C-alpha atoms as a PDB file:
ATOM      1  CA  MET A   1      91.721  57.699 109.701  1.00  0.00           C
ATOM      2  CA  TRP A   2      90.722  59.208 113.048  1.00  0.00           C
ATOM      3  CA  TYR A   3      92.525  61.383 115.592  1.00  0.00           C
ATOM      4  CA  PHE A   4      91.785  60.154 119.093  1.00  0.00           C
ATOM      5  CA  GLY A   5      94.255  61.932 121.373  1.00  0.00           C
ATOM      6  CA  GLY A   6      94.705  60.165 124.704  1.00  0.00           C
ATOM      7  CA  VAL A   7      91.237  59.050 125.750  1.00  0.00           C
ATOM      8  CA  LYS A   8      91.698  56.262 128.297  1.00  0.00           C
ATOM      9  CA  LYS A   9      88.662  54.223 127.243  1.00  0.00           C
ATOM     10  CA  ILE A  10      89.882  54.155 123.639  1.00  0.00           C
ATOM     11  CA  ASP A  11      93.380  53.127 124.755  1.00  0.00           C
ATOM     12  CA  THR A  12      91.877  50.267 126.779  1.00  0.00           C
ATOM     13  CA  PHE A  13      89.707  49.142 123.848  1.00  0.00           C
ATOM     14  CA  LEU A  14      92.667  49.188 121.450  1.00  0.00           C
ATOM     15  CA  SER A  15      94.900  47.224 123.827  1.00  0.00           C
ATOM     16  CA  GLN A  16      92.149  44.616 124.306  1.00  0.00           C
ATOM     17  CA  ASN A  17      91.520  44.329 120.542  1.00  0.00           C
ATOM     18  CA  PRO A  18      94.953  44.750 118.930  1.00  0.00           C
ATOM     19  CA  LEU A  19      93.992  43.476 115.454  1.00  0.00           C
ATOM     20  CA  LEU A  20      91.169  45.920 114.693  1.00  0.00           C
ATOM     21  CA  PHE A  21      93.087  49.182 114.196  1.00  0.00           C
ATOM     22  CA  ASP A  22      96.613  50.421 113.518  1.00  0.00           C
ATOM     23  CA  VAL A  23      97.923  53.383 115.513  1.00  0.00           C
ATOM     24  CA  TYR A  24     100.372  55.872 113.996  1.00  0.00           C
ATOM     25  CA  TYR A  25     101.625  59.408 114.624  1.00  0.00           C
ATOM     26  CA  ASP A  26     101.161  62.402 112.325  1.00  0.00           C
ATOM     27  CA  ARG A  27     100.783  66.181 112.491  1.00  0.00           C
ATOM     28  CA  ILE A  28      97.369  67.833 112.254  1.00  0.00           C
ATOM     29  CA  LYS A  29      99.033  71.011 110.953  1.00  0.00           C
ATOM     30  CA  PRO A  30     102.604  71.754 109.837  1.00  0.00           C
ATOM     31  CA  LYS A  31     105.023  72.604 112.663  1.00  0.00           C
ATOM     32  CA  THR A  32     102.754  71.076 115.322  1.00  0.00           C
ATOM     33  CA  ASP A  33     103.671  68.146 117.519  1.00  0.00           C
ATOM     34  CA  PRO A  34     102.757  64.696 116.156  1.00  0.00           C
ATOM     35  CA  VAL A  35      99.577  63.225 117.604  1.00  0.00           C
ATOM     36  CA  ARG A  36      98.089  59.754 117.505  1.00  0.00           C
ATOM     37  CA  PHE A  37      95.823  58.639 114.684  1.00  0.00           C
ATOM     38  CA  LEU A  38      94.275  55.268 113.953  1.00  0.00           C
ATOM     39  CA  HIS A  39      92.954  53.572 110.858  1.00  0.00           C
ATOM     40  CA  VAL A  40      91.340  50.241 110.075  1.00  0.00           C
ATOM     41  CA  SER A  41      93.848  47.375 110.085  1.00  0.00           C
ATOM     42  CA  ASP A  42      94.440  45.331 106.945  1.00  0.00           C
ATOM     43  CA  GLN A  43      92.872  42.284 108.622  1.00  0.00           C
ATOM     44  CA  LEU A  44      89.717  44.178 109.587  1.00  0.00           C
ATOM     45  CA  GLN A  45      89.503  45.761 106.123  1.00  0.00           C
ATOM     46  CA  ARG A  46      89.632  42.313 104.511  1.00  0.00           C
ATOM     47  CA  ILE A  47      86.754  41.203 106.743  1.00  0.00           C
ATOM     48  CA  LEU A  48      84.729  44.334 105.944  1.00  0.00           C
ATOM     49  CA  ASP A  49      85.271  43.722 102.217  1.00  0.00           C
ATOM     50  CA  ARG A  50      84.303  40.058 102.595  1.00  0.00           C
ATOM     51  CA  ASN A  51      81.194  41.011 104.561  1.00  0.00           C
ATOM     52  CA  GLU A  52      80.114  43.363 101.775  1.00  0.00           C
ATOM     53  CA  ARG A  53      80.301  40.441  99.359  1.00  0.00           C
ATOM     54  CA  VAL A  54      78.254  38.245 101.731  1.00  0.00           C
ATOM     55  CA  TYR A  55      75.582  40.943 102.013  1.00  0.00           C
ATOM     56  CA  ALA A  56      75.523  41.393  98.224  1.00  0.00           C
ATOM     57  CA  GLU A  57      75.195  37.642  97.607  1.00  0.00           C
ATOM     58  CA  ASN A  58      72.355  37.368 100.129  1.00  0.00           C
ATOM     59  CA  GLU A  59      70.538  40.599  99.309  1.00  0.00           C
ATOM     60  CA  PRO A  60      67.479  38.770  97.902  1.00  0.00           C
ATOM     61  CA  LEU A  61      67.205  36.890 101.220  1.00  0.00           C
ATOM     62  CA  ILE A  62      67.426  40.160 103.185  1.00  0.00           C
ATOM     63  CA  VAL A  63      64.770  41.801 100.998  1.00  0.00           C
ATOM     64  CA  ALA A  64      62.468  38.784 101.445  1.00  0.00           C
ATOM     65  CA  THR A  65      62.914  38.893 105.239  1.00  0.00           C
ATOM     66  CA  LEU A  66      62.131  42.601 105.329  1.00  0.00           C
ATOM     67  CA  CYS A  67      59.020  42.066 103.202  1.00  0.00           C
ATOM     68  CA  LYS A  68      57.849  39.247 105.456  1.00  0.00           C
ATOM     69  CA  LEU A  69      58.248  41.372 108.589  1.00  0.00           C
ATOM     70  CA  LEU A  70      56.055  44.021 106.997  1.00  0.00           C
ATOM     71  CA  MET A  71      53.517  41.536 105.630  1.00  0.00           C
ATOM     72  CA  MET A  72      52.927  40.001 109.081  1.00  0.00           C
ATOM     73  CA  SER A  73      52.374  43.385 110.687  1.00  0.00           C
ATOM     74  CA  LYS A  74      49.157  45.318 111.119  1.00  0.00           C
ATOM     75  CA  ASP A  75      48.559  47.476 108.014  1.00  0.00           C
ATOM     76  CA  ASN A  76      51.913  46.234 106.605  1.00  0.00           C
ATOM     77  CA  VAL A  77      53.763  49.068 108.363  1.00  0.00           C
ATOM     78  CA  VAL A  78      56.559  48.883 110.950  1.00  0.00           C
ATOM     79  CA  SER A  79      58.482  51.640 112.736  1.00  0.00           C
ATOM     80  CA  ALA A  80      61.719  52.230 110.818  1.00  0.00           C
ATOM     81  CA  ASP A  81      63.624  52.904 114.041  1.00  0.00           C
ATOM     82  CA  LYS A  82      62.462  49.582 115.491  1.00  0.00           C
ATOM     83  CA  LEU A  83      63.684  47.762 112.375  1.00  0.00           C
ATOM     84  CA  VAL A  84      67.092  49.394 112.725  1.00  0.00           C
ATOM     85  CA  HIS A  85      67.254  48.196 116.334  1.00  0.00           C
ATOM     86  CA  VAL A  86      66.729  44.571 115.249  1.00  0.00           C
ATOM     87  CA  LYS A  87      69.218  44.626 112.360  1.00  0.00           C
ATOM     88  CA  ARG A  88      71.555  42.361 114.338  1.00  0.00           C
ATOM     89  CA  GLU A  89      68.810  39.809 115.005  1.00  0.00           C
ATOM     90  CA  PHE A  90      67.726  39.576 111.353  1.00  0.00           C
ATOM     91  CA  GLY A  91      71.046  40.221 109.615  1.00  0.00           C
ATOM     92  CA  PHE A  92      70.183  43.579 108.059  1.00  0.00           C
ATOM     93  CA  PRO A  93      73.157  45.685 106.912  1.00  0.00           C
ATOM     94  CA  ASN A  94      73.919  48.906 108.780  1.00  0.00           C
ATOM     95  CA  ASP A  95      72.747  50.969 105.813  1.00  0.00           C
ATOM     96  CA  VAL A  96      69.440  49.095 105.418  1.00  0.00           C
ATOM     97  CA  LEU A  97      67.334  52.281 105.333  1.00  0.00           C
ATOM     98  CA  VAL A  98      69.851  54.476 103.515  1.00  0.00           C
ATOM     99  CA  ASN A  99      70.934  52.194 100.681  1.00  0.00           C
ATOM    100  CA  LEU A 100      68.934  48.958 100.622  1.00  0.00           C
ATOM    101  CA  VAL A 101      65.372  50.288 100.933  1.00  0.00           C
ATOM    102  CA  PRO A 102      65.737  52.968  98.175  1.00  0.00           C
ATOM    103  CA  LYS A 103      66.953  50.257  95.768  1.00  0.00           C
ATOM    104  CA  TYR A 104      63.542  48.549  95.926  1.00  0.00           C
ATOM    105  CA  PRO A 105      60.843  51.227  95.483  1.00  0.00           C
ATOM    106  CA  GLU A 106      58.495  48.542  94.175  1.00  0.00           C
ATOM    107  CA  TYR A 107      58.659  46.878  97.613  1.00  0.00           C
ATOM    108  CA  PHE A 108      59.240  49.579 100.222  1.00  0.00           C
ATOM    109  CA  LYS A 109      58.237  53.145 101.009  1.00  0.00           C
ATOM    110  CA  LEU A 110      59.972  55.065 103.804  1.00  0.00           C
ATOM    111  CA  VAL A 111      57.722  57.630 105.477  1.00  0.00           C
ATOM    112  CA  GLY A 112      59.152  60.294 107.802  1.00  0.00           C
ATOM    113  CA  ASP A 113      62.721  60.905 108.965  1.00  0.00           C
ATOM    114  CA  PRO A 114      64.606  57.925 110.446  1.00  0.00           C
ATOM    115  CA  GLY A 115      66.201  58.577 113.804  1.00  0.00           C
ATOM    116  CA  GLU A 116      63.495  60.969 115.022  1.00  0.00           C
ATOM    117  CA  GLY A 117      61.092  58.274 116.241  1.00  0.00           C
ATOM    118  CA  ASN A 118      58.336  59.092 113.748  1.00  0.00           C
ATOM    119  CA  SER A 119      59.461  57.233 110.635  1.00  0.00           C
ATOM    120  CA  PHE A 120      57.851  54.104 109.235  1.00  0.00           C
ATOM    121  CA  LEU A 121      58.632  51.514 106.605  1.00  0.00           C
ATOM    122  CA  GLN A 122      55.626  50.593 104.527  1.00  0.00           C
ATOM    123  CA  LEU A 123      55.029  47.717 102.118  1.00  0.00           C
ATOM    124  CA  VAL A 124      54.170  49.158  98.704  1.00  0.00           C
ATOM    125  CA  SER A 125      52.209  46.146  97.478  1.00  0.00           C
ATOM    126  CA  TRP A 126      51.435  42.614  98.651  1.00  0.00           C
ATOM    127  CA  LYS A 127      53.955  39.987  97.501  1.00  0.00           C
ATOM    128  CA  PRO A 128      52.217  36.565  97.277  1.00  0.00           C
ATOM    129  CA  ARG A 129      55.512  34.678  96.862  1.00  0.00           C
ATOM    130  CA  PHE A 130      56.606  35.859 100.314  1.00  0.00           C
ATOM    131  CA  ALA A 131      53.257  35.119 101.973  1.00  0.00           C
ATOM    132  CA  LYS A 132      54.098  31.551 102.977  1.00  0.00           C
ATOM    133  CA  SER A 133      55.480  30.668 106.371  1.00  0.00           C
ATOM    134  CA  VAL A 134      58.238  28.186 107.125  1.00  0.00           C
ATOM    135  CA  ILE A 135      55.564  25.741 108.294  1.00  0.00           C
ATOM    136  CA  GLU A 136      53.593  26.076 105.050  1.00  0.00           C
ATOM    137  CA  HIS A 137      56.753  25.601 102.982  1.00  0.00           C
ATOM    138  CA  ARG A 138      57.482  22.452 104.981  1.00  0.00           C
ATOM    139  CA  ALA A 139      54.066  21.033 104.075  1.00  0.00           C
ATOM    140  CA  ASP A 140      54.660  21.884 100.401  1.00  0.00           C
ATOM    141  CA  GLU A 141      58.029  20.120 100.474  1.00  0.00           C
ATOM    142  CA  GLU A 142      56.414  17.017 101.977  1.00  0.00           C
ATOM    143  CA  LEU A 143      53.818  17.008  99.195  1.00  0.00           C
ATOM    144  CA  GLU A 144      56.526  17.314  96.548  1.00  0.00           C
ATOM    145  CA  LEU A 145      58.614  14.579  98.144  1.00  0.00           C
ATOM    146  CA  THR A 146      55.907  11.994  98.906  1.00  0.00           C
ATOM    147  CA  GLY A 147      52.931  13.078  96.814  1.00  0.00           C
ATOM    148  CA  ILE A 148      50.870  13.177 100.004  1.00  0.00           C
ATOM    149  CA  LYS A 149      49.287  16.465 101.023  1.00  0.00           C
ATOM    150  CA  ILE A 150      49.635  17.015 104.753  1.00  0.00           C
ATOM    151  CA  ARG A 151      48.079  19.702 106.890  1.00  0.00           C
ATOM    152  CA  SER A 152      50.351  22.596 107.879  1.00  0.00           C
ATOM    153  CA  SER A 153      51.175  22.154 111.556  1.00  0.00           C
ATOM    154  CA  PHE A 154      53.822  22.881 114.164  1.00  0.00           C
ATOM    155  CA  ASN A 155      56.623  20.438 114.854  1.00  0.00           C
ATOM    156  CA  TRP A 156      56.278  19.076 118.352  1.00  0.00           C
ATOM    157  CA  LYS A 157      59.613  18.582 120.038  1.00  0.00           C
ATOM    158  CA  VAL A 158      58.899  17.439 123.594  1.00  0.00           C
ATOM    159  CA  PRO A 159      61.735  18.087 126.085  1.00  0.00           C
ATOM    160  CA  SER A 160      63.303  14.929 127.507  1.00  0.00           C
ATOM    161  CA  GLY A 161      61.649  13.850 130.752  1.00  0.00           C
ATOM    162  CA  PHE A 162      58.579  15.971 129.989  1.00  0.00           C
ATOM    163  CA  LEU A 163      55.516  14.342 131.558  1.00  0.00           C
ATOM    164  CA  ILE A 164      52.164  15.272 130.005  1.00  0.00           C
ATOM    165  CA  ARG A 165      49.256  15.233 132.457  1.00  0.00           C
ATOM    166  CA  LYS A 166      45.837  13.969 131.375  1.00  0.00           C
ATOM    167  CA  GLU A 167      44.167  17.402 131.361  1.00  0.00           C
ATOM    168  CA  LEU A 168      47.088  18.805 129.367  1.00  0.00           C
ATOM    169  CA  ARG A 169      46.804  15.950 126.858  1.00  0.00           C
ATOM    170  CA  GLU A 170      43.192  16.954 126.233  1.00  0.00           C
ATOM    171  CA  TRP A 171      44.180  20.573 125.710  1.00  0.00           C
ATOM    172  CA  ILE A 172      46.970  19.485 123.310  1.00  0.00           C
ATOM    173  CA  ARG A 173      44.543  17.326 121.344  1.00  0.00           C
ATOM    174  CA  ASP A 174      42.146  20.263 121.005  1.00  0.00           C
ATOM    175  CA  TRP A 175      45.023  22.566 120.041  1.00  0.00           C
ATOM    176  CA  LYS A 176      46.327  20.211 117.355  1.00  0.00           C
ATOM    177  CA  GLU A 177      42.858  19.735 115.876  1.00  0.00           C
ATOM    178  CA  ARG A 178      42.560  23.474 115.243  1.00  0.00           C
ATOM    179  CA  LEU A 179      43.640  24.542 111.772  1.00  0.00           C
ATOM    180  CA  TYR A 180      46.995  26.263 111.434  1.00  0.00           C
ATOM    181  CA  ILE A 181      46.577  30.018 110.905  1.00  0.00           C
ATOM    182  CA  SER A 182      49.269  31.596 108.753  1.00  0.00           C
ATOM    183  CA  PRO A 183      50.963  34.677 110.239  1.00  0.00           C
ATOM    184  CA  TYR A 184      50.363  36.307 106.848  1.00  0.00           C
ATOM    185  CA  ASP A 185      46.573  35.898 107.041  1.00  0.00           C
ATOM    186  CA  ASN A 186      44.408  38.860 107.987  1.00  0.00           C
ATOM    187  CA  ALA A 187      43.760  38.572 111.733  1.00  0.00           C
ATOM    188  CA  SER A 188      41.596  41.656 112.208  1.00  0.00           C
ATOM    189  CA  ASN A 189      38.397  39.565 112.515  1.00  0.00           C
ATOM    190  CA  LEU A 190      39.735  37.187 115.196  1.00  0.00           C
ATOM    191  CA  ASN A 191      38.496  37.342 118.784  1.00  0.00           C
ATOM    192  CA  GLN A 192      41.510  38.337 120.904  1.00  0.00           C
ATOM    193  CA  ALA A 193      40.512  35.849 123.635  1.00  0.00           C
ATOM    194  CA  SER A 194      40.037  32.899 121.264  1.00  0.00           C
ATOM    195  CA  LEU A 195      42.214  29.834 120.758  1.00  0.00           C
ATOM    196  CA  GLU A 196      42.488  30.836 117.091  1.00  0.00           C
ATOM    197  CA  THR A 197      44.180  34.101 118.089  1.00  0.00           C
ATOM    198  CA  GLU A 198      46.602  32.196 120.308  1.00  0.00           C
ATOM    199  CA  LYS A 199      47.357  29.819 117.441  1.00  0.00           C
ATOM    200  CA  ARG A 200      48.087  32.736 115.138  1.00  0.00           C
ATOM    201  CA  THR A 201      50.273  34.374 117.806  1.00  0.00           C
ATOM    202  CA  VAL A 202      52.297  31.167 118.150  1.00  0.00           C
ATOM    203  CA  GLY A 203      52.576  31.134 114.354  1.00  0.00           C
ATOM    204  CA  VAL A 204      53.859  34.723 114.294  1.00  0.00           C
ATOM    205  CA  PHE A 205      56.474  33.987 116.951  1.00  0.00           C
ATOM    206  CA  HIS A 206      57.485  30.813 115.117  1.00  0.00           C
ATOM    207  CA  GLU A 207      57.925  32.759 111.894  1.00  0.00           C
ATOM    208  CA  LEU A 208      59.817  35.655 113.528  1.00  0.00           C
ATOM    209  CA  LEU A 209      62.247  33.258 115.208  1.00  0.00           C
ATOM    210  CA  SER A 210      62.613  31.270 111.966  1.00  0.00           C
ATOM    211  CA  LEU A 211      63.530  34.472 110.098  1.00  0.00           C
ATOM    212  CA  SER A 212      66.106  35.510 112.708  1.00  0.00           C
ATOM    213  CA  LEU A 213      69.776  34.595 112.252  1.00  0.00           C
ATOM    214  CA  TYR A 214      70.194  32.599 115.460  1.00  0.00           C
ATOM    215  CA  LYS A 215      66.550  31.431 115.687  1.00  0.00           C
ATOM    216  CA  ARG A 216      66.324  33.258 118.993  1.00  0.00           C
ATOM    217  CA  ILE A 217      65.317  36.782 120.011  1.00  0.00           C
ATOM    218  CA  PRO A 218      65.361  38.453 123.454  1.00  0.00           C
ATOM    219  CA  VAL A 219      61.820  38.783 124.807  1.00  0.00           C
ATOM    220  CA  PRO A 220      62.173  42.545 125.503  1.00  0.00           C
ATOM    221  CA  ILE A 221      62.960  43.080 121.795  1.00  0.00           C
ATOM    222  CA  LEU A 222      59.867  41.112 120.770  1.00  0.00           C
ATOM    223  CA  GLY A 223      57.892  43.246 123.207  1.00  0.00           C
ATOM    224  CA  ASN A 224      58.817  46.361 121.214  1.00  0.00           C
ATOM    225  CA  PHE A 225      56.603  45.055 118.398  1.00  0.00           C
ATOM    226  CA  THR A 226      53.461  44.452 120.471  1.00  0.00           C
ATOM    227  CA  GLU A 227      51.419  46.974 118.498  1.00  0.00           C
ATOM    228  CA  GLU A 228      52.691  45.998 115.034  1.00  0.00           C
ATOM    229  CA  TYR A 229      52.046  42.260 115.481  1.00  0.00           C
ATOM    230  CA  ARG A 230      48.972  42.481 117.751  1.00  0.00           C
ATOM    231  CA  PHE A 231      50.640  40.803 120.753  1.00  0.00           C
ATOM    232  CA  SER A 232      48.768  40.917 124.051  1.00  0.00           C
ATOM    233  CA  ASN A 233      50.397  42.497 127.102  1.00  0.00           C
ATOM    234  CA  ALA A 234      50.980  39.002 128.491  1.00  0.00           C
ATOM    235  CA  PHE A 235      52.551  37.740 125.235  1.00  0.00           C
ATOM    236  CA  SER A 236      55.621  36.259 126.955  1.00  0.00           C
ATOM    237  CA  SER A 237      53.438  33.585 128.623  1.00  0.00           C
ATOM    238  CA  VAL A 238      53.141  31.969 125.175  1.00  0.00           C
ATOM    239  CA  PHE A 239      56.683  30.577 125.371  1.00  0.00           C
ATOM    240  CA  PRO A 240      56.405  28.448 128.550  1.00  0.00           C
ATOM    241  CA  ARG A 241      52.823  27.558 127.605  1.00  0.00           C
ATOM    242  CA  HIS A 242      54.049  26.182 124.263  1.00  0.00           C
ATOM    243  CA  SER A 243      57.311  24.664 125.424  1.00  0.00           C
ATOM    244  CA  ARG A 244      57.087  21.980 122.703  1.00  0.00           C
ATOM    245  CA  ASN A 245      57.786  24.738 120.189  1.00  0.00           C
ATOM    246  CA  PHE A 246      59.816  27.249 122.179  1.00  0.00           C
ATOM    247  CA  TYR A 247      62.485  27.340 124.841  1.00  0.00           C
ATOM    248  CA  MET A 248      62.957  30.256 127.208  1.00  0.00           C
ATOM    249  CA  SER A 249      66.622  30.908 127.981  1.00  0.00           C
ATOM    250  CA  LEU A 250      67.676  33.016 130.977  1.00  0.00           C
ATOM    251  CA  LYS A 251      71.351  33.185 129.999  1.00  0.00           C
ATOM    252  CA  GLY A 252      72.965  36.465 130.966  1.00  0.00           C
ATOM    253  CA  GLY A 253      69.903  37.415 132.987  1.00  0.00           C
ATOM    254  CA  ILE A 254      67.951  38.186 129.791  1.00  0.00           C
ATOM    255  CA  LYS A 255      64.822  36.252 128.832  1.00  0.00           C
ATOM    256  CA  THR A 256      65.364  34.966 125.301  1.00  0.00           C
ATOM    257  CA  ALA A 257      62.815  33.039 123.224  1.00  0.00           C
ATOM    258  CA  MET A 258      64.398  30.224 121.213  1.00  0.00           C
ATOM    259  CA  LEU A 259      62.906  28.027 118.495  1.00  0.00           C
ATOM    260  CA  ARG A 260      63.262  24.532 119.906  1.00  0.00           C
ATOM    261  CA  GLU A 261      63.206  22.685 116.557  1.00  0.00           C
ATOM    262  CA  ALA A 262      66.131  24.808 115.258  1.00  0.00           C
ATOM    263  CA  TYR A 263      68.566  23.447 117.853  1.00  0.00           C
ATOM    264  CA  LYS A 264      70.216  20.158 118.660  1.00  0.00           C
ATOM    265  CA  GLY A 265      71.426  20.646 122.178  1.00  0.00           C
ATOM    266  CA  ASP A 266      72.913  24.141 122.153  1.00  0.00           C
ATOM    267  CA  GLN A 267      73.939  24.033 118.477  1.00  0.00           C
ATOM    268  CA  LEU A 268      72.039  25.447 115.524  1.00  0.00           C
ATOM    269  CA  ILE A 269      71.024  22.708 113.095  1.00  0.00           C
ATOM    270  CA  ASN A 270      70.990  24.912 109.971  1.00  0.00           C
ATOM    271  CA  ARG A 271      73.162  28.012 109.957  1.00  0.00           C
ATOM    272  CA  ASP A 272      71.979  31.109 108.134  1.00  0.00           C
ATOM    273  CA  PRO A 273      74.458  32.186 105.412  1.00  0.00           C
ATOM    274  CA  LEU A 274      74.518  35.709 106.870  1.00  0.00           C
ATOM    275  CA  LEU A 275      76.083  34.319 110.055  1.00  0.00           C
ATOM    276  CA  GLU A 276      79.384  34.369 108.156  1.00  0.00           C
ATOM    277  CA  VAL A 277      79.397  38.143 108.737  1.00  0.00           C
ATOM    278  CA  ASN A 278      79.303  37.652 112.521  1.00  0.00           C
ATOM    279  CA  ASP A 279      81.671  34.674 112.406  1.00  0.00           C
ATOM    280  CA  ASN A 280      84.351  36.641 110.540  1.00  0.00           C
ATOM    281  CA  PHE A 281      84.351  39.450 113.074  1.00  0.00           C
ATOM    282  CA  ILE A 282      84.181  37.161 116.122  1.00  0.00           C
ATOM    283  CA  GLU A 283      87.098  35.132 114.744  1.00  0.00           C
ATOM    284  CA  LEU A 284      89.224  38.283 114.381  1.00  0.00           C
ATOM    285  CA  LEU A 285      88.345  39.415 117.916  1.00  0.00           C
ATOM    286  CA  ALA A 286      89.259  35.993 119.319  1.00  0.00           C
ATOM    287  CA  LYS A 287      92.546  36.026 117.407  1.00  0.00           C
ATOM    288  CA  GLY A 288      93.355  39.463 118.834  1.00  0.00           C
ATOM    289  CA  HIS A 289      92.451  38.400 122.380  1.00  0.00           C
ATOM    290  CA  LYS A 290      94.715  35.350 122.043  1.00  0.00           C
ATOM    291  CA  GLN A 291      97.579  37.515 120.778  1.00  0.00           C
ATOM    292  CA  ARG A 292      97.135  39.931 123.689  1.00  0.00           C
ATOM    293  CA  GLU A 293      97.054  37.066 126.185  1.00  0.00           C
ATOM    294  CA  GLU A 294     100.265  35.634 124.720  1.00  0.00           C
ATOM    295  CA  GLU A 295     101.952  39.045 124.918  1.00  0.00           C
ATOM    296  CA  LEU A 296     100.853  39.471 128.551  1.00  0.00           C
ATOM    297  CA  ASN A 297     102.182  35.994 129.389  1.00  0.00           C
ATOM    298  CA  LEU A 298     105.526  36.836 127.765  1.00  0.00           C
ATOM    299  CA  LYS A 299     105.704  40.042 129.811  1.00  0.00           C
ATOM    300  CA  LYS A 300     104.906  38.112 132.996  1.00  0.00           C
ATOM    301  CA  GLN A 301     107.604  35.574 132.176  1.00  0.00           C
ATOM    302  CA  ALA A 302     110.100  38.372 131.500  1.00  0.00           C
ATOM    303  CA  VAL A 303     109.250  40.048 134.826  1.00  0.00           C
ATOM    304  CA  LYS A 304     109.568  36.722 136.667  1.00  0.00           C
ATOM    305  CA  LYS A 305     112.922  36.086 134.985  1.00  0.00           C
ATOM    306  CA  ASP A 306     114.158  39.527 136.048  1.00  0.00           C
ATOM    307  CA  MET A 307     112.957  38.931 139.611  1.00  0.00           C
ATOM    308  CA  ASP A 308     114.670  35.548 139.672  1.00  0.00           C
ATOM    309  CA  MET A 309     117.881  37.173 138.420  1.00  0.00           C
ATOM    310  CA  VAL A 310     117.670  39.832 141.156  1.00  0.00           C
ATOM    311  CA  LEU A 311     117.057  37.101 143.748  1.00  0.00           C
ATOM    312  CA  VAL A 312     120.067  35.082 142.529  1.00  0.00           C
ATOM    313  CA  THR A 313     122.241  38.218 142.549  1.00  0.00           C
ATOM    314  CA  ASN A 314     121.135  39.137 146.086  1.00  0.00           C
ATOM    315  CA  ASN A 315     121.811  35.591 147.321  1.00  0.00           C
ATOM    316  CA  THR A 316     125.267  35.643 145.726  1.00  0.00           C
ATOM    317  CA  LEU A 317     126.081  38.983 147.374  1.00  0.00           C
ATOM    318  CA  ASN A 318     124.828  37.688 150.724  1.00  0.00           C
ATOM    319  CA  ASP A 319     127.022  34.596 150.390  1.00  0.00           C
ATOM    320  CA  LEU A 320     130.052  36.793 149.587  1.00  0.00           C
ATOM    321  CA  ASP A 321     129.337  39.030 152.602  1.00  0.00           C
ATOM    322  CA  LEU A 322     129.009  35.957 154.828  1.00  0.00           C
ATOM    323  CA  SER A 323     132.300  34.513 153.526  1.00  0.00           C
ATOM    324  CA  GLU A 324     134.132  37.771 154.173  1.00  0.00           C
ATOM    325  CA  SER A 325     132.682  37.938 157.699  1.00  0.00           C
ATOM    326  CA  GLU A 326     133.807  34.390 158.442  1.00  0.00           C
ATOM    327  CA  GLU A 327     137.344  35.116 157.168  1.00  0.00           C
ATOM    328  CA  LEU A 328     137.610  38.202 159.399  1.00  0.00           C
ATOM    329  CA  TYR A 329     136.347  36.263 162.420  1.00  0.00           C
ATOM    330  CA  SER A 330     138.776  33.398 161.854  1.00  0.00           C
ATOM    331  CA  SER A 331     141.711  35.772 161.500  1.00  0.00           C
END
């Protein structure tokens, strides 16, 4: 429970989201005036409990994602604060550093104090079973299904109406002939200006977006990891340059990199199981907004009814006054 007094912003938030909290009155001390308190509503508590179960069921997936983010990075180390800032993108629980990381000392080592800008999450030892990208897994699945070993390569999903010029076709042919470079391979010996480095960079972005919940990440967030993943300062040019793999959305005025193959139109093809956490909360918010809208409409109808009643009463009184005036005049 929380005491919140009469802060206007909180009152506005509560009125806009009526299903999240219950408000009640109680005394802070005996013989004092009652003040307002709030506590989590039963509906929100059920969602929080359900979300805990979803996180528990998918904990191996979360651990694997965290390992992969570290394994792609330079020296297998990533700023802990940066990882906390992308917990929404990758589906990490709020207590990822406090509770999840300490449970797996064979995987992770936390160095420094989180929240002070100088803490890092380090991979304890290399995990070969996590060192395969989505693209490499796809090639393995094809081999298992058909018995034919294919080369790991990007899916090419050309936008409708996309016209490929002759010089671009030559560049594409050269690009496709180059071997796929896994984002988990050591890239320290690659020339930063080479096509191989660009191919690895595309592979890293492909893997990062594949690991994310919505298969999309705002470009400014990706830019926070320039040092960890060896991105160049002009890294964002990769997305329009490789528009067969990525789509750059400008929705909401924010540049967002999207994995083209993960979408059919504007719908995700395969939904991550951790999206249930977001779906549950969004559904409750929408339900609350609908309830508030219905209540506001009822109030508007009540006000209109009262106004109509006043108007009818005034008209009736005016008619009576007019009748009395006419009777006096006729007499």
